[in-house]
PDB file of N, CA and C in Angstrom:
ATOM      1  N   MET A   1    -239.508  24.621  42.938  1.00  0.00           N
ATOM      2  CA  MET A   1    -240.214  24.108  41.799  1.00  0.00           C
ATOM      3  C   MET A   1    -241.501  23.402  42.237  1.00  0.00           C
ATOM      4  N   ARG A   2    -241.417  22.636  43.318  1.00  0.00           N
ATOM      5  CA  ARG A   2    -242.620  21.929  43.788  1.00  0.00           C
ATOM      6  C   ARG A   2    -243.722  22.910  44.186  1.00  0.00           C
ATOM      7  N   GLN A   3    -243.327  24.016  44.796  1.00  0.00           N
ATOM      8  CA  GLN A   3    -244.331  24.999  45.204  1.00  0.00           C
ATOM      9  C   GLN A   3    -244.985  25.637  43.978  1.00  0.00           C
ATOM     10  N   ILE A   4    -244.226  25.857  42.929  1.00  0.00           N
ATOM     11  CA  ILE A   4    -244.803  26.398  41.701  1.00  0.00           C
ATOM     12  C   ILE A   4    -245.814  25.407  41.135  1.00  0.00           C
ATOM     13  N   GLN A   5    -245.469  24.137  41.134  1.00  0.00           N
ATOM     14  CA  GLN A   5    -246.391  23.119  40.631  1.00  0.00           C
ATOM     15  C   GLN A   5    -247.640  23.021  41.504  1.00  0.00           C
ATOM     16  N   LYS A   6    -247.447  23.155  42.802  1.00  0.00           N
ATOM     17  CA  LYS A   6    -248.576  23.041  43.738  1.00  0.00           C
ATOM     18  C   LYS A   6    -249.499  24.248  43.623  1.00  0.00           C
ATOM     19  N   ASP A   7    -248.937  25.440  43.758  1.00  0.00           N
ATOM     20  CA  ASP A   7    -249.708  26.682  43.648  1.00  0.00           C
ATOM     21  C   ASP A   7    -248.725  27.828  43.414  1.00  0.00           C
ATOM     22  N   TYR A   8    -248.566  28.211  42.167  1.00  0.00           N
ATOM     23  CA  TYR A   8    -247.581  29.245  41.822  1.00  0.00           C
ATOM     24  C   TYR A   8    -247.866  30.563  42.528  1.00  0.00           C
ATOM     25  N   ARG A   9    -249.128  30.791  42.902  1.00  0.00           N
ATOM     26  CA  ARG A   9    -249.476  32.057  43.562  1.00  0.00           C
ATOM     27  C   ARG A   9    -248.871  32.170  44.951  1.00  0.00           C
ATOM     28  N   GLU A  10    -248.463  31.040  45.522  1.00  0.00           N
ATOM     29  CA  GLU A  10    -247.872  31.018  46.856  1.00  0.00           C
ATOM     30  C   GLU A  10    -246.372  30.722  46.816  1.00  0.00           C
ATOM     31  N   ALA A  11    -245.769  30.798  45.647  1.00  0.00           N
ATOM     32  CA  ALA A  11    -244.379  30.372  45.478  1.00  0.00           C
ATOM     33  C   ALA A  11    -243.350  31.490  45.643  1.00  0.00           C
ATOM     34  N   GLY A  12    -243.766  32.675  45.980  1.00  0.00           N
ATOM     35  CA  GLY A  12    -242.813  33.756  46.173  1.00  0.00           C
ATOM     36  C   GLY A  12    -242.156  34.228  44.884  1.00  0.00           C
ATOM     37  N   LEU A  13    -242.886  34.195  43.785  1.00  0.00           N
ATOM     38  CA  LEU A  13    -242.356  34.625  42.503  1.00  0.00           C
ATOM     39  C   LEU A  13    -242.286  36.143  42.447  1.00  0.00           C
ATOM     40  N   SER A  14    -241.499  36.635  41.519  1.00  0.00           N
ATOM     41  CA  SER A  14    -241.447  38.080  41.304  1.00  0.00           C
ATOM     42  C   SER A  14    -242.759  38.554  40.694  1.00  0.00           C
ATOM     43  N   ILE A  15    -242.987  39.849  40.738  1.00  0.00           N
ATOM     44  CA  ILE A  15    -244.188  40.426  40.137  1.00  0.00           C
ATOM     45  C   ILE A  15    -244.248  40.075  38.654  1.00  0.00           C
ATOM     46  N   ARG A  16    -243.110  40.143  37.990  1.00  0.00           N
ATOM     47  CA  ARG A  16    -243.030  39.827  36.551  1.00  0.00           C
ATOM     48  C   ARG A  16    -243.386  38.367  36.287  1.00  0.00           C
ATOM     49  N   GLU A  17    -242.805  37.464  37.056  1.00  0.00           N
ATOM     50  CA  GLU A  17    -243.074  36.034  36.876  1.00  0.00           C
ATOM     51  C   GLU A  17    -244.546  35.717  37.146  1.00  0.00           C
ATOM     52  N   ARG A  18    -245.085  36.299  38.189  1.00  0.00           N
ATOM     53  CA  ARG A  18    -246.491  36.064  38.536  1.00  0.00           C
ATOM     54  C   ARG A  18    -247.400  36.590  37.432  1.00  0.00           C
ATOM     55  N   ALA A  19    -247.086  37.765  36.886  1.00  0.00           N
ATOM     56  CA  ALA A  19    -247.905  38.342  35.816  1.00  0.00           C
ATOM     57  C   ALA A  19    -247.890  37.450  34.576  1.00  0.00           C
ATOM     58  N   ILE A  20    -246.728  36.905  34.254  1.00  0.00           N
ATOM     59  CA  ILE A  20    -246.613  36.013  33.095  1.00  0.00           C
ATOM     60  C   ILE A  20    -247.474  34.769  33.298  1.00  0.00           C
ATOM     61  N   LEU A  21    -247.385  34.159  34.466  1.00  0.00           N
ATOM     62  CA  LEU A  21    -248.172  32.948  34.721  1.00  0.00           C
ATOM     63  C   LEU A  21    -249.672  33.249  34.774  1.00  0.00           C
ATOM     64  N   ASP A  22    -250.057  34.358  35.387  1.00  0.00           N
ATOM     65  CA  ASP A  22    -251.472  34.735  35.407  1.00  0.00           C
ATOM     66  C   ASP A  22    -252.004  34.894  33.983  1.00  0.00           C
ATOM     67  N   TYR A  23    -251.229  35.567  33.146  1.00  0.00           N
ATOM     68  CA  TYR A  23    -251.624  35.784  31.755  1.00  0.00           C
ATOM     69  C   TYR A  23    -251.739  34.461  31.003  1.00  0.00           C
ATOM     70  N   ALA A  24    -250.727  33.607  31.142  1.00  0.00           N
ATOM     71  CA  ALA A  24    -250.714  32.326  30.427  1.00  0.00           C
ATOM     72  C   ALA A  24    -251.896  31.446  30.841  1.00  0.00           C
ATOM     73  N   ILE A  25    -252.226  31.454  32.109  1.00  0.00           N
ATOM     74  CA  ILE A  25    -253.348  30.645  32.581  1.00  0.00           C
ATOM     75  C   ILE A  25    -254.668  31.199  32.049  1.00  0.00           C
ATOM     76  N   LYS A  26    -254.826  32.501  32.075  1.00  0.00           N
ATOM     77  CA  LYS A  26    -256.057  33.080  31.533  1.00  0.00           C
ATOM     78  C   LYS A  26    -256.165  32.801  30.043  1.00  0.00           C
ATOM     79  N   LEU A  27    -255.080  32.967  29.298  1.00  0.00           N
ATOM     80  CA  LEU A  27    -255.100  32.702  27.863  1.00  0.00           C
ATOM     81  C   LEU A  27    -255.431  31.242  27.581  1.00  0.00           C
ATOM     82  N   THR A  28    -254.964  30.346  28.432  1.00  0.00           N
ATOM     83  CA  THR A  28    -255.219  28.914  28.262  1.00  0.00           C
ATOM     84  C   THR A  28    -256.661  28.549  28.598  1.00  0.00           C
ATOM     85  N   LEU A  29    -257.158  29.032  29.716  1.00  0.00           N
ATOM     86  CA  LEU A  29    -258.462  28.599  30.215  1.00  0.00           C
ATOM     87  C   LEU A  29    -259.633  29.449  29.737  1.00  0.00           C
ATOM     88  N   ARG A  30    -259.379  30.751  29.498  1.00  0.00           N
ATOM     89  CA  ARG A  30    -260.475  31.653  29.141  1.00  0.00           C
ATOM     90  C   ARG A  30    -260.052  32.622  28.032  1.00  0.00           C
ATOM     91  N   PRO A  31    -259.635  32.093  26.885  1.00  0.00           N
ATOM     92  CA  PRO A  31    -259.087  32.961  25.844  1.00  0.00           C
ATOM     93  C   PRO A  31    -260.061  34.036  25.350  1.00  0.00           C
ATOM     94  N   ALA A  32    -261.342  33.761  25.354  1.00  0.00           N
ATOM     95  CA  ALA A  32    -262.322  34.742  24.880  1.00  0.00           C
ATOM     96  C   ALA A  32    -262.434  35.943  25.815  1.00  0.00           C
ATOM     97  N   GLU A  33    -261.914  35.819  27.022  1.00  0.00           N
ATOM     98  CA  GLU A  33    -261.988  36.906  27.999  1.00  0.00           C
ATOM     99  C   GLU A  33    -260.770  37.825  27.977  1.00  0.00           C
ATOM    100  N   MET A  34    -259.801  37.548  27.123  1.00  0.00           N
ATOM    101  CA  MET A  34    -258.589  38.373  27.082  1.00  0.00           C
ATOM    102  C   MET A  34    -258.945  39.791  26.638  1.00  0.00           C
ATOM    103  N   LYS A  35    -258.340  40.757  27.304  1.00  0.00           N
ATOM    104  CA  LYS A  35    -258.587  42.176  27.034  1.00  0.00           C
ATOM    105  C   LYS A  35    -257.249  42.904  26.922  1.00  0.00           C
ATOM    106  N   LEU A  36    -257.293  44.109  26.397  1.00  0.00           N
ATOM    107  CA  LEU A  36    -256.103  44.951  26.316  1.00  0.00           C
ATOM    108  C   LEU A  36    -255.496  45.158  27.705  1.00  0.00           C
ATOM    109  N   GLU A  37    -256.331  45.192  28.733  1.00  0.00           N
ATOM    110  CA  GLU A  37    -255.842  45.369  30.099  1.00  0.00           C
ATOM    111  C   GLU A  37    -254.889  44.232  30.510  1.00  0.00           C
ATOM    112  N   ASP A  38    -255.108  43.030  29.975  1.00  0.00           N
ATOM    113  CA  ASP A  38    -254.220  41.915  30.287  1.00  0.00           C
ATOM    114  C   ASP A  38    -252.824  42.164  29.735  1.00  0.00           C
ATOM    115  N   VAL A  39    -252.757  42.713  28.543  1.00  0.00           N
ATOM    116  CA  VAL A  39    -251.463  43.058  27.938  1.00  0.00           C
ATOM    117  C   VAL A  39    -250.828  44.216  28.718  1.00  0.00           C
ATOM    118  N   GLU A  40    -251.632  45.197  29.074  1.00  0.00           N
ATOM    119  CA  GLU A  40    -251.116  46.337  29.834  1.00  0.00           C
ATOM    120  C   GLU A  40    -250.570  45.895  31.190  1.00  0.00           C
ATOM    121  N   HIS A  41    -251.184  44.883  31.783  1.00  0.00           N
ATOM    122  CA  HIS A  41    -250.683  44.363  33.056  1.00  0.00           C
ATOM    123  C   HIS A  41    -249.279  43.768  32.869  1.00  0.00           C
ATOM    124  N   LEU A  42    -249.063  43.078  31.757  1.00  0.00           N
ATOM    125  CA  LEU A  42    -247.719  42.553  31.477  1.00  0.00           C
ATOM    126  C   LEU A  42    -246.724  43.700  31.296  1.00  0.00           C
ATOM    127  N   ARG A  43    -247.141  44.753  30.610  1.00  0.00           N
ATOM    128  CA  ARG A  43    -246.250  45.910  30.434  1.00  0.00           C
ATOM    129  C   ARG A  43    -245.902  46.538  31.777  1.00  0.00           C
ATOM    130  N   SER A  44    -246.897  46.664  32.639  1.00  0.00           N
ATOM    131  CA  SER A  44    -246.641  47.278  33.946  1.00  0.00           C
ATOM    132  C   SER A  44    -245.742  46.393  34.809  1.00  0.00           C
ATOM    133  N   ALA A  45    -245.674  45.100  34.488  1.00  0.00           N
ATOM    134  CA  ALA A  45    -244.799  44.175  35.221  1.00  0.00           C
ATOM    135  C   ALA A  45    -243.399  44.134  34.616  1.00  0.00           C
ATOM    136  N   GLY A  46    -243.168  44.930  33.563  1.00  0.00           N
ATOM    137  CA  GLY A  46    -241.820  45.054  33.019  1.00  0.00           C
ATOM    138  C   GLY A  46    -241.563  44.386  31.677  1.00  0.00           C
ATOM    139  N   LEU A  47    -242.585  43.834  31.049  1.00  0.00           N
ATOM    140  CA  LEU A  47    -242.371  43.203  29.746  1.00  0.00           C
ATOM    141  C   LEU A  47    -242.528  44.225  28.633  1.00  0.00           C
ATOM    142  N   ASN A  48    -241.686  44.118  27.621  1.00  0.00           N
ATOM    143  CA  ASN A  48    -241.838  44.944  26.429  1.00  0.00           C
ATOM    144  C   ASN A  48    -242.658  44.159  25.407  1.00  0.00           C
ATOM    145  N   ASP A  49    -242.891  44.748  24.250  1.00  0.00           N
ATOM    146  CA  ASP A  49    -243.724  44.082  23.245  1.00  0.00           C
ATOM    147  C   ASP A  49    -243.142  42.739  22.811  1.00  0.00           C
ATOM    148  N   GLY A  50    -241.822  42.654  22.688  1.00  0.00           N
ATOM    149  CA  GLY A  50    -241.193  41.387  22.325  1.00  0.00           C
ATOM    150  C   GLY A  50    -241.412  40.322  23.383  1.00  0.00           C
ATOM    151  N   GLY A  51    -241.303  40.695  24.633  1.00  0.00           N
ATOM    152  CA  GLY A  51    -241.529  39.752  25.722  1.00  0.00           C
ATOM    153  C   GLY A  51    -242.974  39.289  25.775  1.00  0.00           C
ATOM    154  N   ILE A  52    -243.894  40.213  25.545  1.00  0.00           N
ATOM    155  CA  ILE A  52    -245.318  39.859  25.524  1.00  0.00           C
ATOM    156  C   ILE A  52    -245.591  38.903  24.371  1.00  0.00           C
ATOM    157  N   HIS A  53    -245.015  39.196  23.224  1.00  0.00           N
ATOM    158  CA  HIS A  53    -245.165  38.320  22.069  1.00  0.00           C
ATOM    159  C   HIS A  53    -244.650  36.918  22.396  1.00  0.00           C
ATOM    160  N   ASP A  54    -243.522  36.829  23.071  1.00  0.00           N
ATOM    161  CA  ASP A  54    -242.967  35.526  23.453  1.00  0.00           C
ATOM    162  C   ASP A  54    -243.916  34.769  24.377  1.00  0.00           C
ATOM    163  N   VAL A  55    -244.492  35.455  25.353  1.00  0.00           N
ATOM    164  CA  VAL A  55    -245.427  34.805  26.285  1.00  0.00           C
ATOM    165  C   VAL A  55    -246.626  34.244  25.524  1.00  0.00           C
ATOM    166  N   VAL A  56    -247.171  35.039  24.611  1.00  0.00           N
ATOM    167  CA  VAL A  56    -248.326  34.584  23.838  1.00  0.00           C
ATOM    168  C   VAL A  56    -247.947  33.407  22.946  1.00  0.00           C
ATOM    169  N   GLN A  57    -246.805  33.492  22.277  1.00  0.00           N
ATOM    170  CA  GLN A  57    -246.370  32.413  21.384  1.00  0.00           C
ATOM    171  C   GLN A  57    -246.143  31.113  22.149  1.00  0.00           C
ATOM    172  N   VAL A  58    -245.405  31.170  23.232  1.00  0.00           N
ATOM    173  CA  VAL A  58    -245.104  29.960  23.996  1.00  0.00           C
ATOM    174  C   VAL A  58    -246.389  29.351  24.560  1.00  0.00           C
ATOM    175  N   THR A  59    -247.260  30.182  25.107  1.00  0.00           N
ATOM    176  CA  THR A  59    -248.522  29.683  25.650  1.00  0.00           C
ATOM    177  C   THR A  59    -249.357  29.038  24.551  1.00  0.00           C
ATOM    178  N   GLY A  60    -249.462  29.709  23.424  1.00  0.00           N
ATOM    179  CA  GLY A  60    -250.241  29.172  22.312  1.00  0.00           C
ATOM    180  C   GLY A  60    -249.679  27.870  21.778  1.00  0.00           C
ATOM    181  N   PHE A  61    -248.359  27.795  21.631  1.00  0.00           N
ATOM    182  CA  PHE A  61    -247.742  26.572  21.117  1.00  0.00           C
ATOM    183  C   PHE A  61    -247.935  25.402  22.077  1.00  0.00           C
ATOM    184  N   PHE A  62    -247.758  25.635  23.365  1.00  0.00           N
ATOM    185  CA  PHE A  62    -247.977  24.554  24.330  1.00  0.00           C
ATOM    186  C   PHE A  62    -249.429  24.088  24.308  1.00  0.00           C
ATOM    187  N   ASN A  63    -250.358  25.021  24.200  1.00  0.00           N
ATOM    188  CA  ASN A  63    -251.764  24.634  24.111  1.00  0.00           C
ATOM    189  C   ASN A  63    -252.034  23.822  22.851  1.00  0.00           C
ATOM    190  N   LEU A  64    -251.463  24.241  21.735  1.00  0.00           N
ATOM    191  CA  LEU A  64    -251.622  23.499  20.487  1.00  0.00           C
ATOM    192  C   LEU A  64    -251.055  22.093  20.621  1.00  0.00           C
ATOM    193  N   TYR A  65    -249.838  21.983  21.111  1.00  0.00           N
ATOM    194  CA  TYR A  65    -249.201  20.669  21.232  1.00  0.00           C
ATOM    195  C   TYR A  65    -249.966  19.755  22.187  1.00  0.00           C
ATOM    196  N   ASN A  66    -250.445  20.302  23.289  1.00  0.00           N
ATOM    197  CA  ASN A  66    -251.223  19.495  24.228  1.00  0.00           C
ATOM    198  C   ASN A  66    -252.510  18.994  23.589  1.00  0.00           C
ATOM    199  N   ARG A  67    -253.165  19.833  22.816  1.00  0.00           N
ATOM    200  CA  ARG A  67    -254.402  19.403  22.163  1.00  0.00           C
ATOM    201  C   ARG A  67    -254.123  18.362  21.080  1.00  0.00           C
ATOM    202  N   LEU A  68    -253.025  18.521  20.357  1.00  0.00           N
ATOM    203  CA  LEU A  68    -252.648  17.505  19.382  1.00  0.00           C
ATOM    204  C   LEU A  68    -252.388  16.164  20.067  1.00  0.00           C
ATOM    205  N   ALA A  69    -251.632  16.197  21.137  1.00  0.00           N
ATOM    206  CA  ALA A  69    -251.326  14.956  21.860  1.00  0.00           C
ATOM    207  C   ALA A  69    -252.597  14.330  22.421  1.00  0.00           C
ATOM    208  N   ASP A  70    -253.467  15.150  23.014  1.00  0.00           N
ATOM    209  CA  ASP A  70    -254.723  14.630  23.547  1.00  0.00           C
ATOM    210  C   ASP A  70    -255.579  14.051  22.428  1.00  0.00           C
ATOM    211  N   GLY A  71    -255.652  14.750  21.316  1.00  0.00           N
ATOM    212  CA  GLY A  71    -256.469  14.304  20.201  1.00  0.00           C
ATOM    213  C   GLY A  71    -255.978  13.018  19.567  1.00  0.00           C
ATOM    214  N   LEU A  72    -254.677  12.778  19.655  1.00  0.00           N
ATOM    215  CA  LEU A  72    -254.099  11.556  19.096  1.00  0.00           C
ATOM    216  C   LEU A  72    -253.975  10.446  20.130  1.00  0.00           C
ATOM    217  N   GLY A  73    -254.362  10.729  21.354  1.00  0.00           N
ATOM    218  CA  GLY A  73    -254.315   9.708  22.401  1.00  0.00           C
ATOM    219  C   GLY A  73    -252.910   9.399  22.892  1.00  0.00           C
ATOM    220  N   ILE A  74    -251.993  10.334  22.734  1.00  0.00           N
ATOM    221  CA  ILE A  74    -250.621  10.112  23.206  1.00  0.00           C
ATOM    222  C   ILE A  74    -250.599  10.202  24.715  1.00  0.00           C
ATOM    223  N   GLN A  75    -250.042   9.204  25.348  1.00  0.00           N
ATOM    224  CA  GLN A  75    -249.956   9.160  26.806  1.00  0.00           C
ATOM    225  C   GLN A  75    -248.734   9.945  27.288  1.00  0.00           C
ATOM    226  N   PRO A  76    -248.868  10.693  28.357  1.00  0.00           N
ATOM    227  CA  PRO A  76    -247.700  11.405  28.896  1.00  0.00           C
ATOM    228  C   PRO A  76    -246.666  10.406  29.438  1.00  0.00           C
ATOM    229  N   GLU A  77    -245.417  10.844  29.420  1.00  0.00           N
ATOM    230  CA  GLU A  77    -244.381  10.005  29.989  1.00  0.00           C
ATOM    231  C   GLU A  77    -244.542   9.977  31.509  1.00  0.00           C
ATOM    232  N   PRO A  78    -244.211   8.866  32.134  1.00  0.00           N
ATOM    233  CA  PRO A  78    -244.345   8.793  33.592  1.00  0.00           C
ATOM    234  C   PRO A  78    -243.340   9.713  34.283  1.00  0.00           C
ATOM    235  N   ASP A  79    -243.713  10.162  35.475  1.00  0.00           N
ATOM    236  CA  ASP A  79    -242.773  10.958  36.272  1.00  0.00           C
ATOM    237  C   ASP A  79    -241.601  10.082  36.659  1.00  0.00           C
ATOM    238  N   TRP A  80    -240.452  10.654  36.667  1.00  0.00           N
ATOM    239  CA  TRP A  80    -239.243   9.883  37.023  1.00  0.00           C
ATOM    240  C   TRP A  80    -239.016   9.982  38.464  1.00  0.00           C
TER     241      TRP A  80
END
């Protein structure tokens, strides 16, 4: 888990897991750059349309919630 937090690209993830994280990061940081090829990459990594939909939904919801919290000045809980 620590290696994923540090740099997921070096964490020895499966091709599928890496593709999901690559997609989620691009959608989060550069949403205007998303292309059909990004979805096709998820398909080639083994995701079906339902799985792709889940990745997009979860990524979008987390981004929404983070922006709401930031906009309201909610402080994150301290690490335990």
